[in-house]
Amino acid sequence: MKNSSVFTTKILPVIKNRYIIAILAFLLWMTIFDENSFVSIYKTRQKLQALEKDKKYYTTEIANNKENLNELMSSMDNLEKFAREKYLMKRDNEDIFVFVEEVKK
């Protein structure tokens, strides 16, 4: 019987308080039902952080590629070296041998 008297004397008045009910309803609405809920704000911030990370990566890649392009276009020797290494290009009187290592299982 003591448990029911504690409920009626301490907990029931708090539950009946209209301000508490309004605050709980507001928090429930903001966490679950609203378009701009706390959950959607958290997800949006996570996406923003991922996009900023991608932006930083691509910005550095663009800078590196511009530097490589300027280096390639600065002399014909660099351009010829790049073409030979990356695309296996050759002169008319040359033969190219490509050695590929076998992967052992």
PDB file of N, CA and C in Angstrom:
ATOM      1  N   MET A   1       0.807  -1.199   0.000  1.00  0.00           N
ATOM      2  CA  MET A   1       0.000   0.000   0.000  1.00  0.00           C
ATOM      3  C   MET A   1       0.845   1.255   0.000  1.00  0.00           C
ATOM      4  N   LYS A   2       2.056   1.163   0.507  1.00  0.00           N
ATOM      5  CA  LYS A   2       2.900   2.341   0.554  1.00  0.00           C
ATOM      6  C   LYS A   2       3.279   2.795  -0.854  1.00  0.00           C
ATOM      7  N   ASN A   3       3.436   1.858  -1.794  1.00  0.00           N
ATOM      8  CA  ASN A   3       3.798   2.208  -3.161  1.00  0.00           C
ATOM      9  C   ASN A   3       2.722   3.052  -3.816  1.00  0.00           C
ATOM     10  N   SER A   4       1.471   2.725  -3.614  1.00  0.00           N
ATOM     11  CA  SER A   4       0.405   3.509  -4.233  1.00  0.00           C
ATOM     12  C   SER A   4       0.289   4.882  -3.591  1.00  0.00           C
ATOM     13  N   SER A   5       0.575   5.002  -2.320  1.00  0.00           N
ATOM     14  CA  SER A   5       0.497   6.314  -1.678  1.00  0.00           C
ATOM     15  C   SER A   5       1.643   7.212  -2.132  1.00  0.00           C
ATOM     16  N   VAL A   6       2.806   6.652  -2.416  1.00  0.00           N
ATOM     17  CA  VAL A   6       3.927   7.433  -2.937  1.00  0.00           C
ATOM     18  C   VAL A   6       3.582   7.936  -4.330  1.00  0.00           C
ATOM     19  N   PHE A   7       2.958   7.094  -5.117  1.00  0.00           N
ATOM     20  CA  PHE A   7       2.560   7.486  -6.458  1.00  0.00           C
ATOM     21  C   PHE A   7       1.542   8.620  -6.425  1.00  0.00           C
ATOM     22  N   THR A   8       0.556   8.490  -5.572  1.00  0.00           N
ATOM     23  CA  THR A   8      -0.501   9.515  -5.520  1.00  0.00           C
ATOM     24  C   THR A   8      -0.030  10.802  -4.864  1.00  0.00           C
ATOM     25  N   THR A   9       0.920  10.731  -3.957  1.00  0.00           N
ATOM     26  CA  THR A   9       1.337  11.944  -3.263  1.00  0.00           C
ATOM     27  C   THR A   9       2.475  12.668  -3.947  1.00  0.00           C
ATOM     28  N   LYS A  10       3.376  11.960  -4.633  1.00  0.00           N
ATOM     29  CA  LYS A  10       4.548  12.611  -5.220  1.00  0.00           C
ATOM     30  C   LYS A  10       4.532  12.658  -6.745  1.00  0.00           C
ATOM     31  N   ILE A  11       4.194  11.579  -7.368  1.00  0.00           N
ATOM     32  CA  ILE A  11       4.303  11.488  -8.823  1.00  0.00           C
ATOM     33  C   ILE A  11       3.061  12.017  -9.522  1.00  0.00           C
ATOM     34  N   LEU A  12       1.889  11.729  -9.042  1.00  0.00           N
ATOM     35  CA  LEU A  12       0.645  12.135  -9.694  1.00  0.00           C
ATOM     36  C   LEU A  12       0.519  13.648  -9.840  1.00  0.00           C
ATOM     37  N   PRO A  13       0.847  14.445  -8.847  1.00  0.00           N
ATOM     38  CA  PRO A  13       0.758  15.895  -9.053  1.00  0.00           C
ATOM     39  C   PRO A  13       1.726  16.409 -10.118  1.00  0.00           C
ATOM     40  N   VAL A  14       2.872  15.783 -10.238  1.00  0.00           N
ATOM     41  CA  VAL A  14       3.823  16.202 -11.270  1.00  0.00           C
ATOM     42  C   VAL A  14       3.271  15.873 -12.651  1.00  0.00           C
ATOM     43  N   ILE A  15       2.661  14.702 -12.786  1.00  0.00           N
ATOM     44  CA  ILE A  15       2.089  14.302 -14.072  1.00  0.00           C
ATOM     45  C   ILE A  15       0.895  15.186 -14.431  1.00  0.00           C
ATOM     46  N   LYS A  16       0.129  15.621 -13.472  1.00  0.00           N
ATOM     47  CA  LYS A  16      -1.043  16.456 -13.734  1.00  0.00           C
ATOM     48  C   LYS A  16      -0.685  17.912 -14.011  1.00  0.00           C
ATOM     49  N   ASN A  17       0.526  18.301 -13.719  1.00  0.00           N
ATOM     50  CA  ASN A  17       0.932  19.691 -13.939  1.00  0.00           C
ATOM     51  C   ASN A  17       0.924  19.976 -15.438  1.00  0.00           C
ATOM     52  N   ARG A  18       0.206  20.994 -15.867  1.00  0.00           N
ATOM     53  CA  ARG A  18       0.044  21.265 -17.299  1.00  0.00           C
ATOM     54  C   ARG A  18       1.329  21.774 -17.937  1.00  0.00           C
ATOM     55  N   TYR A  19       2.191  22.417 -17.179  1.00  0.00           N
ATOM     56  CA  TYR A  19       3.455  22.885 -17.730  1.00  0.00           C
ATOM     57  C   TYR A  19       4.391  21.714 -18.039  1.00  0.00           C
ATOM     58  N   ILE A  20       4.397  20.749 -17.154  1.00  0.00           N
ATOM     59  CA  ILE A  20       5.206  19.550 -17.383  1.00  0.00           C
ATOM     60  C   ILE A  20       4.691  18.804 -18.606  1.00  0.00           C
ATOM     61  N   ILE A  21       3.377  18.700 -18.716  1.00  0.00           N
ATOM     62  CA  ILE A  21       2.769  18.023 -19.876  1.00  0.00           C
ATOM     63  C   ILE A  21       3.110  18.773 -21.156  1.00  0.00           C
ATOM     64  N   ALA A  22       3.059  20.088 -21.129  1.00  0.00           N
ATOM     65  CA  ALA A  22       3.371  20.890 -22.313  1.00  0.00           C
ATOM     66  C   ALA A  22       4.843  20.737 -22.702  1.00  0.00           C
ATOM     67  N   ILE A  23       5.736  20.744 -21.719  1.00  0.00           N
ATOM     68  CA  ILE A  23       7.161  20.588 -21.998  1.00  0.00           C
ATOM     69  C   ILE A  23       7.454  19.208 -22.572  1.00  0.00           C
ATOM     70  N   LEU A  24       6.864  18.178 -21.995  1.00  0.00           N
ATOM     71  CA  LEU A  24       7.060  16.823 -22.506  1.00  0.00           C
ATOM     72  C   LEU A  24       6.505  16.657 -23.917  1.00  0.00           C
ATOM     73  N   ALA A  25       5.346  17.247 -24.165  1.00  0.00           N
ATOM     74  CA  ALA A  25       4.759  17.184 -25.511  1.00  0.00           C
ATOM     75  C   ALA A  25       5.653  17.911 -26.520  1.00  0.00           C
ATOM     76  N   PHE A  26       6.175  19.058 -26.131  1.00  0.00           N
ATOM     77  CA  PHE A  26       7.064  19.820 -27.006  1.00  0.00           C
ATOM     78  C   PHE A  26       8.336  19.026 -27.313  1.00  0.00           C
ATOM     79  N   LEU A  27       8.945  18.443 -26.305  1.00  0.00           N
ATOM     80  CA  LEU A  27      10.160  17.651 -26.514  1.00  0.00           C
ATOM     81  C   LEU A  27       9.890  16.429 -27.389  1.00  0.00           C
ATOM     82  N   LEU A  28       8.763  15.785 -27.175  1.00  0.00           N
ATOM     83  CA  LEU A  28       8.385  14.652 -28.008  1.00  0.00           C
ATOM     84  C   LEU A  28       8.208  15.087 -29.455  1.00  0.00           C
ATOM     85  N   TRP A  29       7.541  16.199 -29.654  1.00  0.00           N
ATOM     86  CA  TRP A  29       7.311  16.724 -31.005  1.00  0.00           C
ATOM     87  C   TRP A  29       8.644  17.077 -31.672  1.00  0.00           C
ATOM     88  N   MET A  30       9.540  17.744 -30.947  1.00  0.00           N
ATOM     89  CA  MET A  30      10.801  18.184 -31.536  1.00  0.00           C
ATOM     90  C   MET A  30      11.763  17.020 -31.809  1.00  0.00           C
ATOM     91  N   THR A  31      11.679  15.963 -31.042  1.00  0.00           N
ATOM     92  CA  THR A  31      12.600  14.848 -31.272  1.00  0.00           C
ATOM     93  C   THR A  31      12.122  13.882 -32.342  1.00  0.00           C
ATOM     94  N   ILE A  32      10.814  13.769 -32.532  1.00  0.00           N
ATOM     95  CA  ILE A  32      10.325  12.719 -33.426  1.00  0.00           C
ATOM     96  C   ILE A  32       9.554  13.259 -34.629  1.00  0.00           C
ATOM     97  N   PHE A  33       8.564  14.076 -34.396  1.00  0.00           N
ATOM     98  CA  PHE A  33       7.595  14.378 -35.442  1.00  0.00           C
ATOM     99  C   PHE A  33       7.936  15.576 -36.323  1.00  0.00           C
ATOM    100  N   ASP A  34       8.634  16.546 -35.819  1.00  0.00           N
ATOM    101  CA  ASP A  34       8.859  17.784 -36.566  1.00  0.00           C
ATOM    102  C   ASP A  34       9.806  17.555 -37.738  1.00  0.00           C
ATOM    103  N   GLU A  35       9.622  18.348 -38.788  1.00  0.00           N
ATOM    104  CA  GLU A  35      10.474  18.264 -39.962  1.00  0.00           C
ATOM    105  C   GLU A  35      11.912  18.639 -39.603  1.00  0.00           C
ATOM    106  N   ASN A  36      12.087  19.569 -38.709  1.00  0.00           N
ATOM    107  CA  ASN A  36      13.405  20.006 -38.246  1.00  0.00           C
ATOM    108  C   ASN A  36      13.706  19.419 -36.861  1.00  0.00           C
ATOM    109  N   SER A  37      13.499  18.145 -36.716  1.00  0.00           N
ATOM    110  CA  SER A  37      13.694  17.491 -35.422  1.00  0.00           C
ATOM    111  C   SER A  37      15.180  17.398 -35.092  1.00  0.00           C
ATOM    112  N   PHE A  38      15.461  17.084 -33.864  1.00  0.00           N
ATOM    113  CA  PHE A  38      16.840  16.948 -33.435  1.00  0.00           C
ATOM    114  C   PHE A  38      17.546  15.834 -34.201  1.00  0.00           C
ATOM    115  N   VAL A  39      16.835  14.809 -34.530  1.00  0.00           N
ATOM    116  CA  VAL A  39      17.418  13.686 -35.272  1.00  0.00           C
ATOM    117  C   VAL A  39      17.807  14.133 -36.684  1.00  0.00           C
ATOM    118  N   SER A  40      16.934  14.860 -37.358  1.00  0.00           N
ATOM    119  CA  SER A  40      17.256  15.319 -38.715  1.00  0.00           C
ATOM    120  C   SER A  40      18.378  16.358 -38.694  1.00  0.00           C
ATOM    121  N   ILE A  41      18.440  17.177 -37.671  1.00  0.00           N
ATOM    122  CA  ILE A  41      19.533  18.145 -37.552  1.00  0.00           C
ATOM    123  C   ILE A  41      20.854  17.408 -37.375  1.00  0.00           C
ATOM    124  N   TYR A  42      20.866  16.370 -36.560  1.00  0.00           N
ATOM    125  CA  TYR A  42      22.081  15.579 -36.351  1.00  0.00           C
ATOM    126  C   TYR A  42      22.534  14.926 -37.659  1.00  0.00           C
ATOM    127  N   LYS A  43      21.595  14.333 -38.392  1.00  0.00           N
ATOM    128  CA  LYS A  43      21.939  13.687 -39.664  1.00  0.00           C
ATOM    129  C   LYS A  43      22.468  14.704 -40.673  1.00  0.00           C
ATOM    130  N   THR A  44      21.866  15.884 -40.696  1.00  0.00           N
ATOM    131  CA  THR A  44      22.304  16.929 -41.615  1.00  0.00           C
ATOM    132  C   THR A  44      23.715  17.394 -41.270  1.00  0.00           C
ATOM    133  N   ARG A  45      24.015  17.515 -40.000  1.00  0.00           N
ATOM    134  CA  ARG A  45      25.366  17.913 -39.593  1.00  0.00           C
ATOM    135  C   ARG A  45      26.382  16.837 -39.958  1.00  0.00           C
ATOM    136  N   GLN A  46      26.014  15.579 -39.840  1.00  0.00           N
ATOM    137  CA  GLN A  46      26.916  14.496 -40.231  1.00  0.00           C
ATOM    138  C   GLN A  46      27.206  14.554 -41.727  1.00  0.00           C
ATOM    139  N   LYS A  47      26.168  14.798 -42.532  1.00  0.00           N
ATOM    140  CA  LYS A  47      26.360  14.921 -43.982  1.00  0.00           C
ATOM    141  C   LYS A  47      27.240  16.117 -44.312  1.00  0.00           C
ATOM    142  N   LEU A  48      27.040  17.230 -43.598  1.00  0.00           N
ATOM    143  CA  LEU A  48      27.835  18.434 -43.826  1.00  0.00           C
ATOM    144  C   LEU A  48      29.303  18.164 -43.527  1.00  0.00           C
ATOM    145  N   GLN A  49      29.593  17.475 -42.450  1.00  0.00           N
ATOM    146  CA  GLN A  49      30.984  17.150 -42.119  1.00  0.00           C
ATOM    147  C   GLN A  49      31.609  16.251 -43.175  1.00  0.00           C
ATOM    148  N   ALA A  50      30.835  15.299 -43.684  1.00  0.00           N
ATOM    149  CA  ALA A  50      31.355  14.415 -44.736  1.00  0.00           C
ATOM    150  C   ALA A  50      31.631  15.202 -46.017  1.00  0.00           C
ATOM    151  N   LEU A  51      30.724  16.114 -46.356  1.00  0.00           N
ATOM    152  CA  LEU A  51      30.914  16.916 -47.564  1.00  0.00           C
ATOM    153  C   LEU A  51      32.104  17.870 -47.426  1.00  0.00           C
ATOM    154  N   GLU A  52      32.308  18.426 -46.247  1.00  0.00           N
ATOM    155  CA  GLU A  52      33.464  19.297 -46.041  1.00  0.00           C
ATOM    156  C   GLU A  52      34.764  18.506 -46.142  1.00  0.00           C
ATOM    157  N   LYS A  53      34.748  17.273 -45.654  1.00  0.00           N
ATOM    158  CA  LYS A  53      35.921  16.411 -45.778  1.00  0.00           C
ATOM    159  C   LYS A  53      36.200  16.114 -47.249  1.00  0.00           C
ATOM    160  N   ASP A  54      35.158  15.798 -48.007  1.00  0.00           N
ATOM    161  CA  ASP A  54      35.309  15.556 -49.444  1.00  0.00           C
ATOM    162  C   ASP A  54      35.823  16.796 -50.164  1.00  0.00           C
ATOM    163  N   LYS A  55      35.311  17.963 -49.774  1.00  0.00           N
ATOM    164  CA  LYS A  55      35.731  19.219 -50.397  1.00  0.00           C
ATOM    165  C   LYS A  55      37.220  19.449 -50.176  1.00  0.00           C
ATOM    166  N   LYS A  56      37.688  19.204 -48.962  1.00  0.00           N
ATOM    167  CA  LYS A  56      39.107  19.374 -48.648  1.00  0.00           C
ATOM    168  C   LYS A  56      39.940  18.407 -49.473  1.00  0.00           C
ATOM    169  N   TYR A  57      39.497  17.159 -49.585  1.00  0.00           N
ATOM    170  CA  TYR A  57      40.226  16.164 -50.368  1.00  0.00           C
ATOM    171  C   TYR A  57      40.318  16.582 -51.837  1.00  0.00           C
ATOM    172  N   TYR A  58      39.186  16.960 -52.407  1.00  0.00           N
ATOM    173  CA  TYR A  58      39.183  17.311 -53.829  1.00  0.00           C
ATOM    174  C   TYR A  58      39.946  18.604 -54.096  1.00  0.00           C
ATOM    175  N   THR A  59      39.942  19.530 -53.151  1.00  0.00           N
ATOM    176  CA  THR A  59      40.707  20.758 -53.325  1.00  0.00           C
ATOM    177  C   THR A  59      42.198  20.452 -53.385  1.00  0.00           C
ATOM    178  N   THR A  60      42.672  19.577 -52.507  1.00  0.00           N
ATOM    179  CA  THR A  60      44.087  19.211 -52.545  1.00  0.00           C
ATOM    180  C   THR A  60      44.419  18.410 -53.806  1.00  0.00           C
ATOM    181  N   GLU A  61      43.504  17.557 -54.246  1.00  0.00           N
ATOM    182  CA  GLU A  61      43.740  16.800 -55.477  1.00  0.00           C
ATOM    183  C   GLU A  61      43.809  17.728 -56.690  1.00  0.00           C
ATOM    184  N   ILE A  62      42.956  18.723 -56.739  1.00  0.00           N
ATOM    185  CA  ILE A  62      42.982  19.685 -57.852  1.00  0.00           C
ATOM    186  C   ILE A  62      44.302  20.437 -57.858  1.00  0.00           C
ATOM    187  N   ALA A  63      44.761  20.861 -56.675  1.00  0.00           N
ATOM    188  CA  ALA A  63      46.039  21.575 -56.594  1.00  0.00           C
ATOM    189  C   ALA A  63      47.191  20.677 -57.061  1.00  0.00           C
ATOM    190  N   ASN A  64      47.185  19.407 -56.639  1.00  0.00           N
ATOM    191  CA  ASN A  64      48.238  18.478 -57.069  1.00  0.00           C
ATOM    192  C   ASN A  64      48.187  18.246 -58.576  1.00  0.00           C
ATOM    193  N   ASN A  65      46.991  18.094 -59.121  1.00  0.00           N
ATOM    194  CA  ASN A  65      46.856  17.861 -60.566  1.00  0.00           C
ATOM    195  C   ASN A  65      47.291  19.083 -61.374  1.00  0.00           C
ATOM    196  N   LYS A  66      46.983  20.282 -60.871  1.00  0.00           N
ATOM    197  CA  LYS A  66      47.433  21.494 -61.575  1.00  0.00           C
ATOM    198  C   LYS A  66      48.952  21.584 -61.565  1.00  0.00           C
ATOM    199  N   GLU A  67      49.550  21.233 -60.438  1.00  0.00           N
ATOM    200  CA  GLU A  67      51.016  21.255 -60.339  1.00  0.00           C
ATOM    201  C   GLU A  67      51.633  20.249 -61.303  1.00  0.00           C
ATOM    202  N   ASN A  68      51.061  19.042 -61.357  1.00  0.00           N
ATOM    203  CA  ASN A  68      51.560  18.021 -62.289  1.00  0.00           C
ATOM    204  C   ASN A  68      51.386  18.456 -63.736  1.00  0.00           C
ATOM    205  N   LEU A  69      50.273  19.076 -64.052  1.00  0.00           N
ATOM    206  CA  LEU A  69      50.033  19.547 -65.416  1.00  0.00           C
ATOM    207  C   LEU A  69      51.036  20.627 -65.804  1.00  0.00           C
ATOM    208  N   ASN A  70      51.291  21.552 -64.898  1.00  0.00           N
ATOM    209  CA  ASN A  70      52.277  22.595 -65.191  1.00  0.00           C
ATOM    210  C   ASN A  70      53.665  22.003 -65.386  1.00  0.00           C
ATOM    211  N   GLU A  71      54.007  20.992 -64.595  1.00  0.00           N
ATOM    212  CA  GLU A  71      55.301  20.325 -64.738  1.00  0.00           C
ATOM    213  C   GLU A  71      55.389  19.600 -66.075  1.00  0.00           C
ATOM    214  N   LEU A  72      54.300  18.953 -66.482  1.00  0.00           N
ATOM    215  CA  LEU A  72      54.301  18.236 -67.765  1.00  0.00           C
ATOM    216  C   LEU A  72      54.423  19.182 -68.947  1.00  0.00           C
ATOM    217  N   MET A  73      53.733  20.290 -68.879  1.00  0.00           N
ATOM    218  CA  MET A  73      53.716  21.216 -70.000  1.00  0.00           C
ATOM    219  C   MET A  73      54.941  22.127 -70.042  1.00  0.00           C
ATOM    220  N   SER A  74      55.801  22.034 -69.026  1.00  0.00           N
ATOM    221  CA  SER A  74      56.959  22.922 -68.987  1.00  0.00           C
ATOM    222  C   SER A  74      58.046  22.493 -69.967  1.00  0.00           C
ATOM    223  N   SER A  75      58.180  21.196 -70.211  1.00  0.00           N
ATOM    224  CA  SER A  75      59.206  20.753 -71.164  1.00  0.00           C
ATOM    225  C   SER A  75      58.738  19.502 -71.886  1.00  0.00           C
ATOM    226  N   MET A  76      59.291  19.309 -73.056  1.00  0.00           N
ATOM    227  CA  MET A  76      58.933  18.138 -73.854  1.00  0.00           C
ATOM    228  C   MET A  76      59.517  16.860 -73.254  1.00  0.00           C
ATOM    229  N   ASP A  77      60.631  16.957 -72.568  1.00  0.00           N
ATOM    230  CA  ASP A  77      61.222  15.776 -71.936  1.00  0.00           C
ATOM    231  C   ASP A  77      60.304  15.204 -70.863  1.00  0.00           C
ATOM    232  N   ASN A  78      59.710  16.082 -70.064  1.00  0.00           N
ATOM    233  CA  ASN A  78      58.775  15.627 -69.035  1.00  0.00           C
ATOM    234  C   ASN A  78      57.529  14.999 -69.657  1.00  0.00           C
ATOM    235  N   LEU A  79      57.051  15.593 -70.724  1.00  0.00           N
ATOM    236  CA  LEU A  79      55.867  15.062 -71.400  1.00  0.00           C
ATOM    237  C   LEU A  79      56.162  13.701 -72.011  1.00  0.00           C
ATOM    238  N   GLU A  80      57.336  13.549 -72.623  1.00  0.00           N
ATOM    239  CA  GLU A  80      57.719  12.260 -73.203  1.00  0.00           C
ATOM    240  C   GLU A  80      57.880  11.194 -72.119  1.00  0.00           C
ATOM    241  N   LYS A  81      58.482  11.566 -70.983  1.00  0.00           N
ATOM    242  CA  LYS A  81      58.651  10.630 -69.873  1.00  0.00           C
ATOM    243  C   LYS A  81      57.293  10.164 -69.343  1.00  0.00           C
ATOM    244  N   PHE A  82      56.370  11.096 -69.216  1.00  0.00           N
ATOM    245  CA  PHE A  82      55.027  10.759 -68.735  1.00  0.00           C
ATOM    246  C   PHE A  82      54.328   9.822 -69.707  1.00  0.00           C
ATOM    247  N   ALA A  83      54.399  10.119 -71.000  1.00  0.00           N
ATOM    248  CA  ALA A  83      53.738   9.282 -72.006  1.00  0.00           C
ATOM    249  C   ALA A  83      54.331   7.877 -72.031  1.00  0.00           C
ATOM    250  N   ARG A  84      55.633   7.778 -71.868  1.00  0.00           N
ATOM    251  CA  ARG A  84      56.274   6.464 -71.879  1.00  0.00           C
ATOM    252  C   ARG A  84      55.896   5.648 -70.641  1.00  0.00           C
ATOM    253  N   GLU A  85      55.868   6.284 -69.463  1.00  0.00           N
ATOM    254  CA  GLU A  85      55.607   5.560 -68.223  1.00  0.00           C
ATOM    255  C   GLU A  85      54.137   5.195 -68.055  1.00  0.00           C
ATOM    256  N   LYS A  86      53.255   6.126 -68.339  1.00  0.00           N
ATOM    257  CA  LYS A  86      51.834   5.897 -68.057  1.00  0.00           C
ATOM    258  C   LYS A  86      51.107   5.175 -69.187  1.00  0.00           C
ATOM    259  N   TYR A  87      51.421   5.540 -70.415  1.00  0.00           N
ATOM    260  CA  TYR A  87      50.653   5.014 -71.540  1.00  0.00           C
ATOM    261  C   TYR A  87      51.461   4.081 -72.442  1.00  0.00           C
ATOM    262  N   LEU A  88      52.692   3.748 -72.027  1.00  0.00           N
ATOM    263  CA  LEU A  88      53.548   2.817 -72.760  1.00  0.00           C
ATOM    264  C   LEU A  88      53.729   3.213 -74.226  1.00  0.00           C
ATOM    265  N   MET A  89      53.826   4.499 -74.471  1.00  0.00           N
ATOM    266  CA  MET A  89      54.056   4.977 -75.834  1.00  0.00           C
ATOM    267  C   MET A  89      55.533   4.784 -76.188  1.00  0.00           C
ATOM    268  N   LYS A  90      55.786   4.669 -77.493  1.00  0.00           N
ATOM    269  CA  LYS A  90      57.150   4.420 -77.936  1.00  0.00           C
ATOM    270  C   LYS A  90      57.399   5.146 -79.250  1.00  0.00           C
ATOM    271  N   ARG A  91      58.663   5.211 -79.588  1.00  0.00           N
ATOM    272  CA  ARG A  91      59.035   5.759 -80.891  1.00  0.00           C
ATOM    273  C   ARG A  91      58.908   4.657 -81.937  1.00  0.00           C
ATOM    274  N   ASP A  92      58.966   5.022 -83.197  1.00  0.00           N
ATOM    275  CA  ASP A  92      58.767   4.050 -84.273  1.00  0.00           C
ATOM    276  C   ASP A  92      59.830   2.952 -84.279  1.00  0.00           C
ATOM    277  N   ASN A  93      61.060   3.278 -83.920  1.00  0.00           N
ATOM    278  CA  ASN A  93      62.134   2.291 -84.019  1.00  0.00           C
ATOM    279  C   ASN A  93      62.412   1.587 -82.684  1.00  0.00           C
ATOM    280  N   GLU A  94      61.461   1.597 -81.757  1.00  0.00           N
ATOM    281  CA  GLU A  94      61.672   0.985 -80.446  1.00  0.00           C
ATOM    282  C   GLU A  94      60.675  -0.143 -80.200  1.00  0.00           C
ATOM    283  N   ASP A  95      61.071  -1.038 -79.326  1.00  0.00           N
ATOM    284  CA  ASP A  95      60.169  -2.086 -78.838  1.00  0.00           C
ATOM    285  C   ASP A  95      60.050  -1.921 -77.331  1.00  0.00           C
ATOM    286  N   ILE A  96      58.858  -2.225 -76.807  1.00  0.00           N
ATOM    287  CA  ILE A  96      58.618  -2.103 -75.369  1.00  0.00           C
ATOM    288  C   ILE A  96      58.340  -3.486 -74.806  1.00  0.00           C
ATOM    289  N   PHE A  97      59.016  -3.802 -73.717  1.00  0.00           N
ATOM    290  CA  PHE A  97      58.777  -5.044 -73.008  1.00  0.00           C
ATOM    291  C   PHE A  97      58.250  -4.691 -71.625  1.00  0.00           C
ATOM    292  N   VAL A  98      57.099  -5.250 -71.283  1.00  0.00           N
ATOM    293  CA  VAL A  98      56.484  -4.986 -69.983  1.00  0.00           C
ATOM    294  C   VAL A  98      56.586  -6.251 -69.152  1.00  0.00           C
ATOM    295  N   PHE A  99      57.170  -6.115 -67.978  1.00  0.00           N
ATOM    296  CA  PHE A  99      57.316  -7.240 -67.066  1.00  0.00           C
ATOM    297  C   PHE A  99      56.268  -7.107 -65.972  1.00  0.00           C
ATOM    298  N   VAL A 100      55.466  -8.156 -65.819  1.00  0.00           N
ATOM    299  CA  VAL A 100      54.430  -8.172 -64.807  1.00  0.00           C
ATOM    300  C   VAL A 100      54.728  -9.294 -63.833  1.00  0.00           C
ATOM    301  N   GLU A 101      54.743  -8.962 -62.553  1.00  0.00           N
ATOM    302  CA  GLU A 101      55.012  -9.986 -61.545  1.00  0.00           C
ATOM    303  C   GLU A 101      53.749 -10.815 -61.309  1.00  0.00           C
ATOM    304  N   GLU A 102      53.955 -12.123 -61.186  1.00  0.00           N
ATOM    305  CA  GLU A 102      52.829 -13.001 -60.918  1.00  0.00           C
ATOM    306  C   GLU A 102      52.551 -13.020 -59.427  1.00  0.00           C
ATOM    307  N   VAL A 103      51.297 -13.066 -59.083  1.00  0.00           N
ATOM    308  CA  VAL A 103      50.913 -13.133 -57.686  1.00  0.00           C
ATOM    309  C   VAL A 103      50.800 -14.585 -57.288  1.00  0.00           C
ATOM    310  N   LYS A 104      51.552 -14.969 -56.277  1.00  0.00           N
ATOM    311  CA  LYS A 104      51.517 -16.367 -55.832  1.00  0.00           C
ATOM    312  C   LYS A 104      50.333 -16.574 -54.904  1.00  0.00           C
ATOM    313  N   LYS A 105      49.696 -17.728 -55.080  1.00  0.00           N
ATOM    314  CA  LYS A 105      48.532 -18.038 -54.253  1.00  0.00           C
ATOM    315  C   LYS A 105      48.925 -18.860 -53.065  1.00  0.00           C
TER     316      LYS A 105
END
